[in-house]
Protein backbone atom coordinates (compact mmCIF):
# COMPACT_ATOMS: atom_id res chain seq x y z
CA MET A 1 94.34 120.62 105.88
CA GLU A 2 90.56 120.45 105.72
CA ALA A 3 89.52 118.59 102.61
CA SER A 4 86.34 120.63 102.24
CA ARG A 5 88.25 123.91 101.91
CA ASP A 6 89.87 125.34 98.81
CA ILE A 7 93.67 125.28 98.89
CA ILE A 8 95.34 128.69 98.49
CA VAL A 9 99.11 128.94 97.99
CA MET A 10 100.84 132.23 98.77
CA VAL A 11 104.33 132.86 97.35
CA ASP A 12 106.35 135.69 98.93
CA ASP A 13 109.96 136.03 100.07
CA ASP A 14 108.83 138.21 103.04
CA ILE A 15 108.00 136.02 106.08
CA THR A 16 105.91 138.82 107.61
CA ASN A 17 103.67 138.99 104.53
CA LEU A 18 103.25 135.23 104.61
CA ASN A 19 102.22 135.32 108.28
CA VAL A 20 99.75 138.16 107.67
CA ALA A 21 98.14 136.28 104.80
CA ARG A 22 97.97 133.07 106.82
CA ASN A 23 96.32 134.84 109.76
CA ASN A 24 93.82 136.66 107.53
CA LEU A 25 92.78 133.70 105.41
CA ALA A 26 93.30 130.62 107.58
CA GLY A 27 89.75 130.54 108.89
CA ARG A 28 88.30 130.36 105.36
CA TYR A 29 90.79 128.42 103.23
CA SER A 30 93.51 125.83 103.57
CA ILE A 31 96.56 128.11 103.36
CA VAL A 32 99.99 126.95 102.24
CA THR A 33 102.85 129.46 102.16
CA VAL A 34 106.18 129.20 100.35
CA PRO A 35 109.07 131.72 100.27
CA SER A 36 110.18 131.35 96.62
CA GLY A 37 109.21 130.34 93.10
CA GLU A 38 111.48 127.31 93.22
CA LYS A 39 109.72 125.95 96.32
CA LEU A 40 106.34 126.65 94.70
CA PHE A 41 107.12 124.30 91.81
CA ASN A 42 108.35 121.63 94.22
CA LEU A 43 105.03 121.98 96.05
CA LEU A 44 102.94 121.79 92.85
CA ASP A 45 104.25 118.28 92.29
CA LYS A 46 102.31 117.27 95.42
CA ILE A 47 99.15 119.41 95.47
CA SER A 48 96.81 121.21 93.07
CA PRO A 49 95.69 124.52 94.61
CA SER A 50 92.48 126.37 93.74
CA LEU A 51 94.40 129.67 93.47
CA ILE A 52 97.88 131.15 93.83
CA LEU A 53 98.70 134.52 95.46
CA LEU A 54 102.01 135.59 93.90
CA ASP A 55 104.43 138.35 94.86
CA ILE A 56 106.32 140.04 92.02
CA GLU A 57 109.60 141.22 93.59
CA MET A 58 111.45 138.11 94.70
CA PRO A 59 115.11 137.10 94.30
CA VAL A 60 116.35 134.41 91.87
CA MET A 61 112.94 134.03 90.18
CA ASN A 62 110.60 137.02 90.23
CA GLY A 63 106.82 136.80 89.98
CA TYR A 64 106.71 137.41 86.22
CA GLU A 65 109.14 134.55 85.62
CA VAL A 66 107.12 132.28 87.92
CA MET A 67 103.98 133.23 85.99
CA LYS A 68 105.55 132.39 82.61
CA LYS A 69 106.63 128.97 83.90
CA LEU A 70 103.17 128.27 85.33
CA LYS A 71 101.47 129.10 82.03
CA ALA A 72 103.97 127.05 80.03
CA ASP A 73 103.12 123.84 81.91
CA GLU A 74 99.95 121.96 80.94
CA LYS A 75 99.52 120.77 84.53
CA THR A 76 99.50 124.29 86.04
CA ASN A 77 98.39 126.71 83.31
CA HIS A 78 94.74 126.52 84.44
CA ILE A 79 95.40 127.63 88.07
CA PRO A 80 94.16 131.21 88.69
CA VAL A 81 96.95 133.56 89.81
CA ILE A 82 96.48 136.88 91.64
CA PHE A 83 99.50 139.16 91.82
CA LEU A 84 99.80 140.52 95.35
CA THR A 85 102.45 143.26 95.36
CA ALA A 86 103.47 146.70 96.53
CA LYS A 87 104.10 147.84 92.93
CA ILE A 88 101.31 150.26 92.01
CA ASP A 89 102.34 151.62 88.59
CA PRO A 90 99.97 150.82 85.67
CA ALA A 91 102.77 149.34 83.55
CA SER A 92 103.45 146.64 86.16
CA GLU A 93 99.75 145.82 86.42
CA ILE A 94 99.37 145.57 82.62
CA GLU A 95 102.42 143.32 82.37
CA GLY A 96 101.08 140.97 85.05
CA LEU A 97 97.64 140.73 83.46
CA SER A 98 99.19 140.24 80.02
CA LEU A 99 101.08 137.21 81.32
CA GLY A 100 97.80 135.59 82.35
CA ALA A 101 97.08 136.75 85.90
CA VAL A 102 93.38 136.96 86.75
CA ASP A 103 93.80 139.92 89.12
CA TYR A 104 96.28 142.41 90.55
CA ILE A 105 95.99 143.53 94.22
CA THR A 106 98.32 146.07 95.84
CA LYS A 107 99.70 145.91 99.36
CA PRO A 108 98.64 146.73 101.97
CA PHE A 109 95.36 144.98 101.20
CA SER A 110 92.01 144.86 102.89
CA ARG A 111 91.25 141.38 104.32
CA ASP A 112 87.60 141.52 103.22
CA LEU A 113 88.50 142.78 99.74
CA LEU A 114 91.11 140.05 99.30
CA ILE A 115 88.62 137.34 100.38
CA LYS A 116 85.97 138.68 97.98
CA ARG A 117 88.44 138.70 95.09
CA ILE A 118 89.67 135.18 95.92
CA ASP A 119 86.10 133.85 96.22
CA LEU A 120 85.19 135.45 92.89
CA HIS A 121 88.08 133.92 90.95
CA ILE A 122 87.66 130.49 92.55
CA LEU A 123 83.98 130.63 91.54
CA PHE A 124 84.95 131.64 87.98
CA GLU A 125 87.36 128.71 87.76
CA LYS A 126 84.78 126.23 89.06
CA GLN A 127 82.22 127.52 86.56
CA ARG A 128 84.80 127.25 83.77
CA LYS A 129 85.46 123.61 84.68
CA GLU A 130 81.75 122.85 84.89
CA LEU A 131 81.15 124.47 81.51
CA LEU A 132 84.05 122.53 80.00
CA SER A 133 82.72 119.29 81.44
CA TYR A 134 79.23 120.10 80.17
CA ASN A 135 80.55 120.90 76.69
CA LEU A 136 82.53 117.68 76.58
CA SER A 137 79.47 115.72 77.70
CA LEU A 138 77.34 117.57 75.14
CA GLU A 139 79.84 116.86 72.38
CA ASP A 140 79.88 113.21 73.38
CA GLU A 141 76.07 113.05 73.40
CA VAL A 142 75.82 114.87 70.07
CA GLY A 143 78.39 112.48 68.67
CA LYS A 144 76.37 109.49 69.87
CA GLN A 145 73.14 110.96 68.47
CA THR A 146 74.84 111.76 65.16
CA GLN A 147 76.17 108.21 64.94
CA THR A 148 72.71 106.84 65.69
CA VAL A 149 71.16 108.96 62.92
CA LEU A 150 73.88 107.92 60.46
CA GLU A 151 73.32 104.26 61.32
CA LEU A 152 69.58 104.74 60.87
CA GLN A 153 70.00 106.45 57.51
CA ASN A 154 72.41 103.81 56.28
CA ALA A 155 70.13 100.97 57.38
CA ILE A 156 67.13 102.51 55.63
CA ILE A 157 68.97 103.11 52.36
CA LYS A 158 70.56 99.68 52.49
CA ILE A 159 67.19 97.97 52.84
CA ILE A 160 65.54 100.09 50.14
CA ALA A 161 68.48 99.45 47.80
CA GLU A 162 68.18 95.71 48.36
CA LEU A 163 64.46 95.90 47.66
CA VAL A 164 65.22 97.62 44.37
CA GLU A 165 67.67 94.83 43.57
CA SER A 166 65.28 92.09 44.68
CA ARG A 167 62.84 93.05 41.92
CA ASP A 168 65.17 91.43 39.38
CA SER A 169 65.65 88.33 41.56
CA ILE A 170 69.14 89.18 42.78
CA THR A 171 68.77 87.37 46.08
CA GLY A 172 72.32 86.86 47.31
CA GLY A 173 73.11 90.10 49.12
CA HIS A 174 74.41 91.90 46.01
CA ILE A 175 74.51 95.28 47.75
CA GLU A 176 76.36 93.88 50.76
CA ARG A 177 78.97 92.14 48.62
CA THR A 178 79.65 94.95 46.17
CA GLN A 179 80.17 97.34 49.08
CA HIS A 180 82.85 95.04 50.51
CA TYR A 181 84.44 94.38 47.13
CA ILE A 182 84.68 98.06 46.32
CA ARG A 183 86.31 98.82 49.68
CA LEU A 184 88.79 95.99 49.13
CA LEU A 185 89.60 97.36 45.69
CA LEU A 186 90.11 100.89 47.05
CA ASP A 187 92.47 99.63 49.75
CA PHE A 188 94.57 97.73 47.20
CA LEU A 189 94.68 100.70 44.79
CA ILE A 190 95.97 102.92 47.59
CA GLU A 191 98.48 100.26 48.63
CA HIS A 192 99.90 100.16 45.08
CA ASN A 193 99.68 103.94 44.65
CA VAL A 194 97.22 103.59 41.74
CA TYR A 195 94.83 106.56 41.47
CA SER A 196 95.73 107.29 45.11
CA ASP A 197 95.91 111.06 44.49
CA THR A 198 92.26 111.06 43.42
CA ILE A 199 91.09 108.59 46.05
CA SER A 200 92.80 110.57 48.80
CA THR A 201 90.38 113.44 48.14
CA TRP A 202 87.33 111.20 48.72
CA ASP A 203 85.45 110.45 51.89
CA ILE A 204 85.85 106.69 51.56
CA ASP A 205 83.06 105.79 53.98
CA LEU A 206 80.57 108.01 52.14
CA PHE A 207 81.67 106.66 48.78
CA VAL A 208 81.26 103.03 49.87
CA MET A 209 77.87 103.86 51.39
CA SER A 210 76.77 105.59 48.18
CA SER A 211 77.53 102.44 46.18
CA GLN A 212 74.27 101.02 47.55
CA LEU A 213 72.41 103.25 45.08
CA HIS A 214 74.33 102.28 41.94
CA ASP A 215 71.30 100.40 40.50
CA VAL A 216 68.56 102.60 41.98
CA GLY A 217 67.32 103.34 38.45
CA LYS A 218 66.01 99.77 38.22
CA ILE A 219 63.03 100.96 40.22
CA THR A 220 61.70 102.45 36.96
CA ILE A 221 62.08 99.27 34.87
CA LYS A 222 59.07 97.05 34.22
CA ASP A 223 58.81 93.92 36.31
CA ASP A 224 58.51 91.58 33.31
CA ILE A 225 61.89 92.78 32.06
CA LEU A 226 63.66 92.78 35.42
CA MET A 227 62.44 89.31 36.33
CA LYS A 228 62.58 87.70 32.90
CA PRO A 229 64.21 84.25 33.27
CA ALA A 230 65.49 84.25 29.67
CA LYS A 231 67.72 86.48 27.59
CA LEU A 232 66.26 89.93 26.90
CA THR A 233 65.21 90.93 23.40
CA GLU A 234 66.96 93.85 21.77
CA ASP A 235 64.11 96.20 22.67
CA GLU A 236 63.96 94.90 26.23
CA PHE A 237 67.70 95.38 26.64
CA GLU A 238 67.37 98.96 25.37
CA GLU A 239 64.81 99.60 28.08
CA MET A 240 66.98 97.90 30.69
CA LYS A 241 69.92 100.12 29.74
CA HIS A 242 67.79 103.12 30.63
CA HIS A 243 68.18 102.30 34.34
CA THR A 244 71.55 104.13 34.36
CA VAL A 245 70.04 107.41 33.16
CA ALA A 246 66.99 106.88 35.36
CA GLY A 247 69.29 106.36 38.35
CA LEU A 248 71.03 109.65 37.66
CA GLU A 249 67.66 111.40 37.32
CA ILE A 250 66.47 109.97 40.64
CA ILE A 251 69.61 111.12 42.43
CA LYS A 252 69.39 114.56 40.82
CA ARG A 253 65.78 114.74 41.99
CA ILE A 254 66.92 113.86 45.50
CA GLU A 255 69.55 116.63 45.29
CA ASP A 256 66.84 119.11 44.29
CA ASN A 257 64.89 118.26 47.45
CA THR A 258 67.77 117.95 49.92
CA THR A 259 71.03 119.68 50.71
CA LYS A 260 73.58 118.77 48.03
CA SER A 261 76.07 116.35 49.51
CA GLU A 262 79.24 114.49 48.64
CA PHE A 263 77.29 111.27 49.20
CA LEU A 264 74.88 112.10 46.38
CA THR A 265 77.71 113.25 44.10
CA TYR A 266 79.34 109.82 44.43
CA ALA A 267 75.98 108.07 43.98
CA ALA A 268 75.25 110.01 40.77
CA ALA A 269 78.61 109.11 39.24
CA LEU A 270 78.18 105.44 40.15
CA ALA A 271 74.60 105.19 38.89
CA VAL A 272 75.19 106.68 35.46
CA SER A 273 78.63 105.31 34.59
CA HIS A 274 79.04 101.79 36.00
CA HIS A 275 78.03 100.24 32.64
CA GLU A 276 80.44 102.32 30.57
CA LYS A 277 83.39 100.34 29.13
CA TRP A 278 87.04 101.30 28.80
CA ASP A 279 86.95 100.95 24.99
CA GLY A 280 83.82 103.13 24.63
CA SER A 281 81.39 100.30 23.82
CA GLY A 282 79.36 100.65 27.02
CA TYR A 283 76.25 102.67 27.88
CA PRO A 284 74.52 105.09 28.29
CA HIS A 285 76.96 107.62 26.78
CA GLY A 286 79.70 105.52 25.19
CA LEU A 287 82.41 107.12 27.33
CA SER A 288 85.89 105.65 27.08
CA GLY A 289 89.13 105.54 29.08
CA ASN A 290 89.64 108.14 31.77
CA ASP A 291 86.56 110.05 30.60
CA ILE A 292 84.59 107.48 32.59
CA PRO A 293 84.43 108.67 36.22
CA LEU A 294 86.76 106.63 38.44
CA GLN A 295 83.78 105.73 40.63
CA GLY A 296 82.09 104.06 37.65
CA ARG A 297 85.25 102.22 36.57
CA LEU A 298 85.58 100.73 40.05
CA MET A 299 81.94 99.68 40.23
CA ALA A 300 82.08 98.22 36.70
CA LEU A 301 84.60 95.62 37.82
CA VAL A 302 83.09 94.64 41.17
CA ASP A 303 79.58 94.60 39.68
CA VAL A 304 80.65 92.17 36.95
CA TYR A 305 82.64 90.00 39.37
CA ASP A 306 79.63 89.67 41.66
CA ALA A 307 77.25 88.99 38.75
CA LEU A 308 79.56 86.29 37.36
CA THR A 309 80.03 84.47 40.66
CA ASN A 310 76.35 84.29 41.62
CA ASP A 311 73.32 82.54 40.17
CA ARG A 312 70.92 84.42 37.95
CA PRO A 313 67.54 83.20 36.63
CA TYR A 314 69.14 82.68 33.19
CA LYS A 315 72.51 81.19 34.29
CA LYS A 316 74.35 79.34 37.02
CA ALA A 317 77.18 80.99 38.93
CA PHE A 318 80.68 80.90 37.42
CA SER A 319 83.56 79.75 39.60
CA HIS A 320 85.91 82.35 41.01
CA GLU A 321 88.65 81.21 38.60
CA GLU A 322 86.34 81.56 35.58
CA ALA A 323 85.30 85.04 36.70
CA VAL A 324 88.94 86.11 37.13
CA ASN A 325 89.76 84.89 33.61
CA ILE A 326 86.83 86.82 32.15
CA ILE A 327 87.98 90.00 33.91
CA ARG A 328 91.57 89.38 32.77
CA GLU A 329 90.36 89.06 29.17
CA GLY A 330 88.29 92.23 29.55
CA SER A 331 91.24 94.33 30.74
CA GLY A 332 91.68 97.25 28.35
CA THR A 333 88.33 96.65 26.64
CA HIS A 334 85.63 96.39 29.30
CA PHE A 335 87.72 97.37 32.30
CA ASP A 336 90.33 100.00 33.19
CA PRO A 337 93.55 97.96 32.81
CA LEU A 338 95.17 99.47 35.92
CA ILE A 339 92.18 98.54 38.06
CA ALA A 340 91.95 95.09 36.47
CA ASP A 341 95.66 94.48 37.17
CA ILE A 342 95.21 95.32 40.87
CA PHE A 343 92.17 93.05 41.07
CA ILE A 344 94.11 90.16 39.48
CA ILE A 345 97.07 90.66 41.86
CA HIS A 346 94.71 90.40 44.82
CA GLU A 347 92.08 88.05 43.39
CA LYS A 348 92.63 85.56 46.21
CA GLU A 349 91.54 88.15 48.77
CA PHE A 350 88.32 88.64 46.80
CA GLU A 351 87.79 84.88 46.70
CA SER A 352 88.48 84.64 50.42
CA PHE A 353 85.84 87.26 51.20
CA LYS A 354 83.36 85.59 48.87
CA ASN A 355 83.84 82.19 50.51
CA LYS A 356 83.69 83.66 54.01
CA GLN A 357 80.47 85.47 53.24
CA GLU A 358 78.83 82.41 51.77
CA THR A 359 79.47 80.43 54.95
CA THR A 360 79.13 83.05 57.71
CA LEU A 361 76.96 85.94 56.58
CA VAL A 362 73.61 85.80 58.33
CA ARG A 363 70.94 87.36 56.17
CA SER A 364 67.42 88.51 56.89
CA ALA A 365 64.57 86.79 55.07
CA ASP A 366 63.68 88.54 51.84
CA ILE A 367 60.45 90.28 52.74
CA ARG A 368 59.06 90.08 49.23
CA THR A 369 59.87 86.61 47.98
CA GLY A 370 60.74 84.67 51.14
CA THR A 371 64.25 83.91 49.82
CA GLU A 372 67.45 85.13 51.46
CA SER A 373 68.63 88.69 51.08
CA ASP A 374 70.68 91.00 53.25
CA PHE A 375 69.36 94.28 52.98
CA GLU A 376 72.33 107.19 53.60
CA PRO A 377 72.36 109.58 53.94
CA ASN A 378 68.68 110.57 55.06
CA LEU A 379 64.96 109.83 54.92
CA GLU A 380 64.55 112.26 52.04
CA VAL A 381 66.59 109.87 49.92
CA VAL A 382 64.16 107.05 50.64
CA ASN A 383 61.15 109.32 50.24
CA ASN A 384 62.30 110.34 46.77
CA ILE A 385 63.14 106.77 45.74
CA VAL A 386 59.70 105.58 46.83
CA GLY A 387 58.18 108.64 45.16
CA VAL A 388 59.72 107.68 41.83
CA ARG A 389 58.36 104.15 42.20
CA SER A 390 54.88 105.48 43.02
CA GLY A 391 54.92 108.21 40.39
CA LYS A 392 54.65 110.92 43.02
CA ASP A 393 55.78 114.47 42.49
CA PRO A 394 58.75 115.58 44.66
CA ALA A 395 56.46 118.08 46.43
CA HIS A 396 54.22 115.25 47.69
CA GLY A 397 56.28 114.58 50.82
CA GLU A 398 56.64 118.26 51.61
CA ARG A 399 52.87 118.79 51.41
CA ILE A 400 52.20 115.84 53.73
CA HIS A 401 54.76 117.20 56.19
CA LYS A 402 53.02 120.60 56.24
CA TYR A 403 49.55 119.10 56.63
CA LEU A 404 50.68 116.89 59.51
CA GLU A 405 52.37 119.83 61.18
CA ILE A 406 49.09 121.78 61.12
CA ILE A 407 47.12 118.94 62.73
CA VAL A 408 49.74 118.06 65.34
CA GLU A 409 50.01 121.69 66.46
CA ALA A 410 46.21 121.82 66.77
CA LEU A 411 46.12 118.63 68.83
CA LYS A 412 48.61 119.95 71.38
CA ASP A 413 45.78 122.06 72.84
CA ASN A 414 43.04 119.47 72.34
CA ASP A 415 41.91 117.83 75.58
CA SER A 416 41.32 114.50 73.81
CA PHE A 417 44.84 114.22 72.43
CA LYS A 418 47.23 116.59 74.20
CA ASP A 419 48.37 114.06 76.81
CA GLU A 420 49.44 111.54 74.17
CA ILE A 421 50.93 114.18 71.85
CA SER A 422 52.95 115.63 74.74
CA ASN A 423 54.83 112.33 74.98
CA TRP A 424 55.86 112.47 71.33
CA ASN A 425 58.95 113.98 69.83
CA THR A 426 56.91 115.70 67.12
CA ASP A 427 59.94 116.34 64.93
CA LEU A 428 60.57 112.60 64.78
CA PHE A 429 56.89 111.92 64.12
CA LEU A 430 56.86 114.37 61.19
CA MET A 431 60.08 112.86 59.87
CA SER A 432 58.71 109.33 60.18
CA ALA A 433 55.78 110.16 57.90
CA GLN A 434 58.15 109.99 54.93
CA LEU A 435 58.12 106.21 55.35
CA HIS A 436 54.35 105.73 55.44
CA ASP A 437 54.18 104.34 51.88
CA VAL A 438 57.62 102.73 51.80
CA GLY A 439 55.95 99.41 50.96
CA HIS A 440 55.20 100.72 47.46
CA VAL A 441 58.70 99.62 46.46
CA GLY A 442 57.43 96.04 46.48
CA VAL A 443 54.24 96.61 44.47
CA SER A 444 54.22 95.95 40.74
CA ASN A 445 54.67 99.14 38.71
CA THR A 446 51.91 97.87 36.42
CA ILE A 447 49.53 98.34 39.34
CA LEU A 448 51.14 101.51 40.71
CA GLY A 449 50.99 103.21 37.32
CA LYS A 450 47.61 101.94 36.13
CA SER A 451 45.53 104.73 34.57
CA ALA A 452 42.16 103.07 35.31
CA ASP A 453 40.48 101.75 38.43
CA LEU A 454 42.14 98.68 39.90
CA THR A 455 40.46 95.30 39.67
CA PRO A 456 39.65 93.57 42.99
CA ALA A 457 42.70 91.32 42.56
CA GLU A 458 44.92 94.30 41.79
CA PHE A 459 43.57 96.20 44.77
CA ASP A 460 44.33 93.22 47.02
CA ASN A 461 47.87 93.30 45.65
CA MET A 462 48.08 97.05 46.30
CA LYS A 463 46.94 96.55 49.91
CA ASN A 464 50.00 94.37 50.50
CA HIS A 465 52.12 97.54 50.56
CA VAL A 466 51.03 98.14 54.17
CA ASP A 467 52.34 94.84 55.55
CA LEU A 468 55.43 95.11 53.36
CA GLY A 469 56.12 98.62 54.68
CA VAL A 470 55.84 97.43 58.28
CA LYS A 471 58.25 94.57 57.58
CA ILE A 472 60.76 96.99 56.06
CA ILE A 473 60.62 99.22 59.12
CA GLN A 474 60.92 96.25 61.47
CA MET A 475 64.02 95.16 59.58
CA ILE A 476 65.51 98.61 60.03
CA LYS A 477 64.67 98.49 63.74
CA ASN A 478 66.60 95.24 64.01
CA GLN A 479 69.74 96.99 62.74
CA VAL A 480 69.72 100.30 64.61
CA ASP A 481 68.55 101.81 67.88
CA HIS A 482 66.31 104.75 67.10
CA THR A 483 63.05 103.56 68.56
CA SER A 484 61.06 106.81 68.66
CA LEU A 485 61.28 107.61 64.96
CA LEU A 486 60.85 104.02 63.85
CA SER A 487 58.00 103.35 66.27
CA HIS A 488 56.12 106.31 64.80
CA ALA A 489 56.94 105.07 61.30
CA GLU A 490 55.73 101.57 62.08
CA ALA A 491 52.44 102.87 63.51
CA LEU A 492 51.89 105.22 60.56
CA THR A 493 52.74 102.67 57.93
CA GLY A 494 50.73 99.84 59.43
CA SER A 495 47.52 101.71 60.24
CA HIS A 496 46.96 104.70 57.93
CA HIS A 497 44.51 102.66 55.82
CA GLU A 498 42.49 101.45 58.81
CA ARG A 499 39.05 103.09 59.24
CA TRP A 500 37.23 104.28 62.33
CA ASP A 501 34.31 101.88 61.70
CA GLY A 502 36.61 98.85 61.23
CA SER A 503 36.17 98.55 57.44
CA GLY A 504 39.78 99.42 56.59
CA TYR A 505 42.89 97.30 56.10
CA PRO A 506 45.10 95.38 56.75
CA HIS A 507 43.69 94.28 60.14
CA GLY A 508 40.20 95.81 60.32
CA LEU A 509 41.06 97.83 63.42
CA LYS A 510 38.43 100.27 64.61
CA GLY A 511 38.01 103.33 66.84
CA ASN A 512 40.75 104.03 69.34
CA GLY A 513 42.19 100.62 68.58
CA ILE A 514 43.83 102.32 65.58
CA PRO A 515 47.09 104.05 66.62
CA LEU A 516 46.73 107.83 66.78
CA GLN A 517 49.53 108.21 64.24
CA GLY A 518 47.53 106.19 61.71
CA ARG A 519 44.28 108.05 62.42
CA ILE A 520 46.02 111.38 61.80
CA MET A 521 47.73 110.11 58.67
CA ALA A 522 44.44 108.72 57.31
CA ILE A 523 42.99 112.25 57.06
CA VAL A 524 46.17 113.77 55.63
CA ASP A 525 46.64 110.94 53.11
CA VAL A 526 43.07 111.16 51.83
CA TYR A 527 43.12 114.96 51.63
CA THR A 528 46.39 114.80 49.65
CA ALA A 529 44.98 112.15 47.28
CA LEU A 530 41.73 114.05 46.73
CA THR A 531 43.44 117.34 45.91
CA SER A 532 45.86 115.75 43.43
CA ASP A 533 45.24 114.79 39.81
CA ARG A 534 45.06 111.14 38.85
CA PRO A 535 45.40 109.64 35.35
CA HIS A 536 41.71 108.69 35.41
CA ARG A 537 40.31 111.85 37.06
CA VAL A 538 41.04 115.47 37.78
CA LYS A 539 41.77 116.64 41.29
CA LYS A 540 38.97 117.85 43.52
CA THR A 541 38.86 121.36 44.91
CA HIS A 542 39.84 122.08 48.49
CA LYS A 543 36.17 122.68 49.32
CA GLU A 544 35.12 119.32 47.82
CA ALA A 545 37.88 117.48 49.67
CA VAL A 546 36.87 119.08 52.96
CA GLU A 547 33.26 118.00 52.43
CA ILE A 548 34.30 114.38 51.71
CA ILE A 549 36.32 114.29 54.93
CA ARG A 550 33.42 115.85 56.84
CA THR A 551 31.11 113.16 55.46
CA GLY A 552 33.58 110.43 56.47
CA SER A 553 33.58 111.51 60.13
CA GLY A 554 32.71 108.54 62.32
CA THR A 555 33.01 106.00 59.49
CA HIS A 556 36.34 106.49 57.74
CA PHE A 557 37.84 109.00 60.19
CA ASP A 558 38.11 109.64 63.93
CA PRO A 559 35.37 112.25 64.52
CA GLU A 560 37.45 114.23 67.03
CA LEU A 561 40.30 114.47 64.52
CA VAL A 562 37.85 115.57 61.82
CA LYS A 563 36.75 118.41 64.12
CA ALA A 564 40.39 119.47 64.51
CA PHE A 565 40.85 119.27 60.73
CA LEU A 566 37.73 121.34 60.05
CA ASP A 567 38.86 123.99 62.54
CA HIS A 568 42.06 124.38 60.51
CA GLU A 569 40.94 123.43 57.00
CA ALA A 570 41.70 126.95 55.77
CA ASP A 571 45.34 126.35 56.67
CA PHE A 572 45.30 123.23 54.50
CA GLY A 573 43.84 125.25 51.63
CA SER A 574 46.61 127.82 51.94
CA ILE A 575 49.34 125.26 51.20
CA ASP A 576 50.75 125.50 47.66
CA GLU A 577 48.74 123.77 44.97
CA PRO A 578 49.69 120.07 44.90
CA ALA A 579 51.58 118.50 42.07
CA GLU A 580 50.08 116.22 39.45
CA ASN A 581 50.26 112.51 38.72
CA GLU A 582 50.66 110.96 42.17
CA ALA A 583 49.96 107.38 41.24
CA VAL A 584 48.02 106.12 44.23
CA THR A 585 44.42 105.28 43.36
CA LEU A 586 41.65 107.10 45.14
CA SER A 587 40.15 103.79 46.21
CA ASP A 588 43.44 103.03 47.96
CA SER A 589 43.20 106.28 49.92
CA GLU A 590 39.47 106.44 50.51
């Protein structure tokens, strides 16, 4: 047989028919003939033909029976079968096609017609295999891309959550540990069939991931309360307690600006209820017993265990044994007794993880304090968290996205920029812009929310948000492989306050030495700031903002980009009126 030719098997009990077929087709295909269905199946153990020509009227096993057996076997059900028979009644043809034959040719047949029909069905089968292979490859690639995006989202949220925590000097990887503790607790509850009916309805991975946001409301609490090294006063504690309600409000705000997800549902329950107590003495709503969401009852225990076994500014860490005794004593008052019982049964496993982490967990340097800290599911989550910290309206990010889209589309036809823009994935660039002010999470809210002009010292502090933002993005890059989006984000974040004449910050870059992403964002950021109200001034009109940007051409802004902006300024003016109270000072943007 010639390896380059398709193998055709003809099955017919008439030797004359087999010889005719062999003579007609031998010059084009590798022809194998067999006189019965039984011999066909013996042959199929040795070869895999491209097509089978099958007679219907044969003794012992007729063509229909052969066809049924072929289709019933996973190894042969894909082989195209053409019935080749003297039966010409429509009922026979319909029956053959119904069983899975690809064609039905009556004898005597035309050699050229038979070859054309064989070629056609072999081509169809090859195309089917190619399409199947392509789909499998596409599914695999989509799966890899989806996993990459999920890893990126999780890394971003993890780092932002740790930054929120680091504001109250929790520097021992609190987020990392509580995630592991809560997964351990879930596994043990399922093992002992405690709350397993409820837990079985959860997406465990999403729930554990969502636990990173359980204290996100702390982003609204004043720094002097969060970082106080002594016991809080009654009034201070009342304000601290508000972080649970604030956390729920932040997550609800995220839900309003993104597709509602199971992830956010878990996060909301955790944020608002993890300080409720079994006996009803907790906060913010004084819920008791099973009225407290199960998510909150789980987090209540692991949150306390981690707090007890780690140093705080106002206390030294308790030993594992002391922490277990405190939780045992709190069973039925602070904690759900069923959950507390499971924890106590498996307390050694919790201790083992704690000890292992203390000796083996490698953490990144805390980017705000220089101490150790180990920092889903999407960028909108981060954008909204940072927006709350900065006092920005939820529409802020959407407006920036629209403005950037206008400029980028304009630059695609601009001789000065089209070559560079053509190398960008513009969707990723637009997405990356949501991180441009991510460093605001590390700036004091006293400065972020100040209703008057900043002092020089305060402005220097504010400028630190650029370097901090770059460090955050670099930390994310160290955890995931999504270089295009994060490279755009790093360029935007690090350079959108640089100025064309070199008078900007943080590095005093000038001209084309400023990344194009930053030069574009500089115009969009200033336009957004100018056309938004501030506590100490009212917003400027679109016309006034355009004139300020025109005046800044060649000093603050790239003159070629200003031309592109001016050509499309009417499109900027057509965007919905911006929201109020975006707490970034004009001096910071101008």
